[in-house]
């Protein structure tokens, strides 16, 4: 479980660079280095990466709490946590491919990840 927690942390750090990475050909790097920089020319892909990062940040604290409690309480939540992480990777891929322009694609990926978090929480009580 500890390895997965580290992988999820690295996945989050990777998310932090996506907005800038996919717009460097339109927005000079120097514009990213200060608060008043003009980043208005970001690409559509960068905008989707921001949305995917925001979505990850909404469930990430709950995942970390449940994962760390699983380690402390010695509850086997590894499989459910791996499913959650796999769904988060799938969510990112869906954002990259712009799949969320189609109706009902986003909930098909997002909702099971929330269910996985609920399962992790329920496993802590047994």
C-alpha atoms as a PDB file:
ATOM      1  CA  UNK A   1       0.000   0.000   0.000  1.00  0.00           C
ATOM      2  CA  UNK A   2       2.869   2.360   0.777  1.00  0.00           C
ATOM      3  CA  UNK A   3       4.204   1.978  -2.772  1.00  0.00           C
ATOM      4  CA  UNK A   4       0.784   2.887  -4.140  1.00  0.00           C
ATOM      5  CA  UNK A   5       0.552   5.942  -1.880  1.00  0.00           C
ATOM      6  CA  UNK A   6       3.918   7.117  -3.244  1.00  0.00           C
ATOM      7  CA  UNK A   7       2.780   6.460  -6.838  1.00  0.00           C
ATOM      8  CA  UNK A   8      -0.407   8.463  -6.285  1.00  0.00           C
ATOM      9  CA  UNK A   9       1.651  11.308  -4.810  1.00  0.00           C
ATOM     10  CA  UNK A  10       3.917  11.299  -7.872  1.00  0.00           C
ATOM     11  CA  UNK A  11       0.847  11.185 -10.127  1.00  0.00           C
ATOM     12  CA  UNK A  12      -0.419  14.323  -8.403  1.00  0.00           C
ATOM     13  CA  UNK A  13       2.937  16.068  -8.839  1.00  0.00           C
ATOM     14  CA  UNK A  14       2.804  15.156 -12.536  1.00  0.00           C
ATOM     15  CA  UNK A  15      -0.649  16.747 -12.717  1.00  0.00           C
ATOM     16  CA  UNK A  16       0.811  20.024 -11.435  1.00  0.00           C
ATOM     17  CA  UNK A  17       2.920  20.432 -14.584  1.00  0.00           C
ATOM     18  CA  UNK A  18       0.323  19.486 -17.199  1.00  0.00           C
ATOM     19  CA  UNK A  19      -1.193  22.922 -17.743  1.00  0.00           C
ATOM     20  CA  UNK A  20       2.168  24.509 -18.434  1.00  0.00           C
ATOM     21  CA  UNK A  21       3.609  21.554 -20.363  1.00  0.00           C
ATOM     22  CA  UNK A  22       0.884  21.474 -22.980  1.00  0.00           C
ATOM     23  CA  UNK A  23       0.974  25.239 -23.606  1.00  0.00           C
ATOM     24  CA  UNK A  24       4.673  26.074 -23.716  1.00  0.00           C
ATOM     25  CA  UNK A  25       4.515  26.438 -27.504  1.00  0.00           C
ATOM     26  CA  UNK A  26       1.893  29.226 -27.070  1.00  0.00           C
ATOM     27  CA  UNK A  27       2.828  30.799 -23.746  1.00  0.00           C
ATOM     28  CA  UNK A  28       6.493  31.616 -23.024  1.00  0.00           C
ATOM     29  CA  UNK A  29       7.920  29.946 -19.921  1.00  0.00           C
ATOM     30  CA  UNK A  30       8.694  33.315 -18.336  1.00  0.00           C
ATOM     31  CA  UNK A  31       4.942  34.070 -18.248  1.00  0.00           C
ATOM     32  CA  UNK A  32       4.420  31.035 -15.989  1.00  0.00           C
ATOM     33  CA  UNK A  33       7.002  32.211 -13.469  1.00  0.00           C
ATOM     34  CA  UNK A  34       5.076  35.049 -11.836  1.00  0.00           C
ATOM     35  CA  UNK A  35       1.521  35.791 -10.754  1.00  0.00           C
ATOM     36  CA  UNK A  36       0.970  38.602 -13.266  1.00  0.00           C
ATOM     37  CA  UNK A  37       2.130  36.531 -16.240  1.00  0.00           C
ATOM     38  CA  UNK A  38      -0.125  36.415 -19.287  1.00  0.00           C
ATOM     39  CA  UNK A  39      -1.233  32.789 -19.581  1.00  0.00           C
ATOM     40  CA  UNK A  40      -4.370  33.572 -21.574  1.00  0.00           C
ATOM     41  CA  UNK A  41      -3.151  31.690 -24.656  1.00  0.00           C
ATOM     42  CA  UNK A  42      -3.302  28.240 -23.065  1.00  0.00           C
ATOM     43  CA  UNK A  43      -4.372  25.429 -25.340  1.00  0.00           C
ATOM     44  CA  UNK A  44      -7.643  23.520 -25.070  1.00  0.00           C
ATOM     45  CA  UNK A  45      -5.626  20.502 -23.919  1.00  0.00           C
ATOM     46  CA  UNK A  46      -4.122  22.558 -21.100  1.00  0.00           C
ATOM     47  CA  UNK A  47      -7.591  23.674 -20.051  1.00  0.00           C
ATOM     48  CA  UNK A  48      -8.741  20.049 -19.944  1.00  0.00           C
ATOM     49  CA  UNK A  49      -5.678  19.157 -17.862  1.00  0.00           C
ATOM     50  CA  UNK A  50      -6.604  21.881 -15.370  1.00  0.00           C
ATOM     51  CA  UNK A  51     -10.113  20.432 -15.108  1.00  0.00           C
ATOM     52  CA  UNK A  52      -8.707  16.906 -14.621  1.00  0.00           C
ATOM     53  CA  UNK A  53      -6.312  18.181 -11.940  1.00  0.00           C
ATOM     54  CA  UNK A  54      -9.119  19.978 -10.140  1.00  0.00           C
ATOM     55  CA  UNK A  55     -11.169  16.794 -10.219  1.00  0.00           C
ATOM     56  CA  UNK A  56      -8.260  14.773  -8.803  1.00  0.00           C
ATOM     57  CA  UNK A  57      -7.743  17.296  -5.989  1.00  0.00           C
ATOM     58  CA  UNK A  58     -11.355  16.809  -4.898  1.00  0.00           C
ATOM     59  CA  UNK A  59     -10.935  13.122  -4.077  1.00  0.00           C
ATOM     60  CA  UNK A  60      -7.212  12.971  -3.314  1.00  0.00           C
ATOM     61  CA  UNK A  61      -7.420  13.978   0.380  1.00  0.00           C
ATOM     62  CA  UNK A  62     -10.016  11.286   1.054  1.00  0.00           C
ATOM     63  CA  UNK A  63      -7.872   8.701  -0.736  1.00  0.00           C
ATOM     64  CA  UNK A  64      -4.790   9.630   1.277  1.00  0.00           C
ATOM     65  CA  UNK A  65      -6.689   9.506   4.578  1.00  0.00           C
ATOM     66  CA  UNK A  66      -8.179   6.087   3.803  1.00  0.00           C
ATOM     67  CA  UNK A  67      -4.902   4.723   2.429  1.00  0.00           C
ATOM     68  CA  UNK A  68      -2.845   5.868   5.404  1.00  0.00           C
ATOM     69  CA  UNK A  69      -5.473   4.585   7.850  1.00  0.00           C
ATOM     70  CA  UNK A  70      -5.373   1.263   5.980  1.00  0.00           C
ATOM     71  CA  UNK A  71      -1.634   1.029   6.618  1.00  0.00           C
ATOM     72  CA  UNK A  72      -1.928   2.067  10.274  1.00  0.00           C
ATOM     73  CA  UNK A  73      -4.884  -0.223  11.010  1.00  0.00           C
ATOM     74  CA  UNK A  74      -3.465  -3.024   8.821  1.00  0.00           C
ATOM     75  CA  UNK A  75      -6.612  -3.210   6.671  1.00  0.00           C
ATOM     76  CA  UNK A  76      -6.141  -4.742   3.220  1.00  0.00           C
ATOM     77  CA  UNK A  77      -7.440  -2.008   0.921  1.00  0.00           C
ATOM     78  CA  UNK A  78      -4.749  -2.448  -1.716  1.00  0.00           C
ATOM     79  CA  UNK A  79      -6.969  -3.851  -4.475  1.00  0.00           C
ATOM     80  CA  UNK A  80      -9.634  -1.171  -4.030  1.00  0.00           C
ATOM     81  CA  UNK A  81      -6.955   1.528  -3.895  1.00  0.00           C
ATOM     82  CA  UNK A  82      -5.403   0.200  -7.104  1.00  0.00           C
ATOM     83  CA  UNK A  83      -8.815   0.289  -8.775  1.00  0.00           C
ATOM     84  CA  UNK A  84      -9.235   3.909  -7.648  1.00  0.00           C
ATOM     85  CA  UNK A  85      -5.815   4.802  -9.026  1.00  0.00           C
ATOM     86  CA  UNK A  86      -6.491   3.009 -12.308  1.00  0.00           C
ATOM     87  CA  UNK A  87      -9.745   4.915 -12.692  1.00  0.00           C
ATOM     88  CA  UNK A  88      -7.925   8.201 -11.994  1.00  0.00           C
ATOM     89  CA  UNK A  89      -5.403   7.358 -14.730  1.00  0.00           C
ATOM     90  CA  UNK A  90      -8.324   6.502 -17.042  1.00  0.00           C
ATOM     91  CA  UNK A  91      -9.931   9.844 -16.127  1.00  0.00           C
ATOM     92  CA  UNK A  92      -6.746  11.651 -17.146  1.00  0.00           C
ATOM     93  CA  UNK A  93      -6.553   9.753 -20.425  1.00  0.00           C
ATOM     94  CA  UNK A  94     -10.192  10.646 -21.097  1.00  0.00           C
ATOM     95  CA  UNK A  95      -9.336  14.315 -20.561  1.00  0.00           C
ATOM     96  CA  UNK A  96      -6.328  14.092 -22.891  1.00  0.00           C
ATOM     97  CA  UNK A  97      -8.438  12.452 -25.598  1.00  0.00           C
ATOM     98  CA  UNK A  98     -11.296  14.928 -24.994  1.00  0.00           C
ATOM     99  CA  UNK A  99     -13.756  12.078 -24.391  1.00  0.00           C
ATOM    100  CA  UNK A 100     -15.795  14.185 -21.983  1.00  0.00           C
ATOM    101  CA  UNK A 101     -17.330  16.138 -24.830  1.00  0.00           C
ATOM    102  CA  UNK A 102     -19.643  13.122 -25.174  1.00  0.00           C
ATOM    103  CA  UNK A 103     -22.528  12.721 -22.751  1.00  0.00           C
ATOM    104  CA  UNK A 104     -22.233  10.192 -19.922  1.00  0.00           C
ATOM    105  CA  UNK A 105     -18.570   9.293 -20.539  1.00  0.00           C
ATOM    106  CA  UNK A 106     -17.280  11.270 -17.552  1.00  0.00           C
ATOM    107  CA  UNK A 107     -19.641   9.685 -14.990  1.00  0.00           C
ATOM    108  CA  UNK A 108     -18.784   6.183 -16.260  1.00  0.00           C
ATOM    109  CA  UNK A 109     -15.178   6.766 -15.205  1.00  0.00           C
ATOM    110  CA  UNK A 110     -15.661   9.169 -12.296  1.00  0.00           C
ATOM    111  CA  UNK A 111     -18.484   7.448 -10.393  1.00  0.00           C
ATOM    112  CA  UNK A 112     -16.690   4.084  -9.966  1.00  0.00           C
ATOM    113  CA  UNK A 113     -13.691   5.935  -8.524  1.00  0.00           C
ATOM    114  CA  UNK A 114     -15.950   7.483  -5.891  1.00  0.00           C
ATOM    115  CA  UNK A 115     -17.480   4.071  -5.200  1.00  0.00           C
ATOM    116  CA  UNK A 116     -13.952   2.703  -4.713  1.00  0.00           C
ATOM    117  CA  UNK A 117     -13.307   5.403  -2.106  1.00  0.00           C
ATOM    118  CA  UNK A 118     -16.540   4.500  -0.321  1.00  0.00           C
ATOM    119  CA  UNK A 119     -15.464   0.835  -0.329  1.00  0.00           C
ATOM    120  CA  UNK A 120     -12.096   1.791   1.141  1.00  0.00           C
ATOM    121  CA  UNK A 121     -13.850   3.681   3.916  1.00  0.00           C
ATOM    122  CA  UNK A 122     -16.275   0.827   4.602  1.00  0.00           C
ATOM    123  CA  UNK A 123     -13.394  -1.680   4.766  1.00  0.00           C
ATOM    124  CA  UNK A 124     -11.874   0.370   7.580  1.00  0.00           C
ATOM    125  CA  UNK A 125     -14.892  -0.427   9.771  1.00  0.00           C
ATOM    126  CA  UNK A 126     -14.773  -4.192   9.388  1.00  0.00           C
END
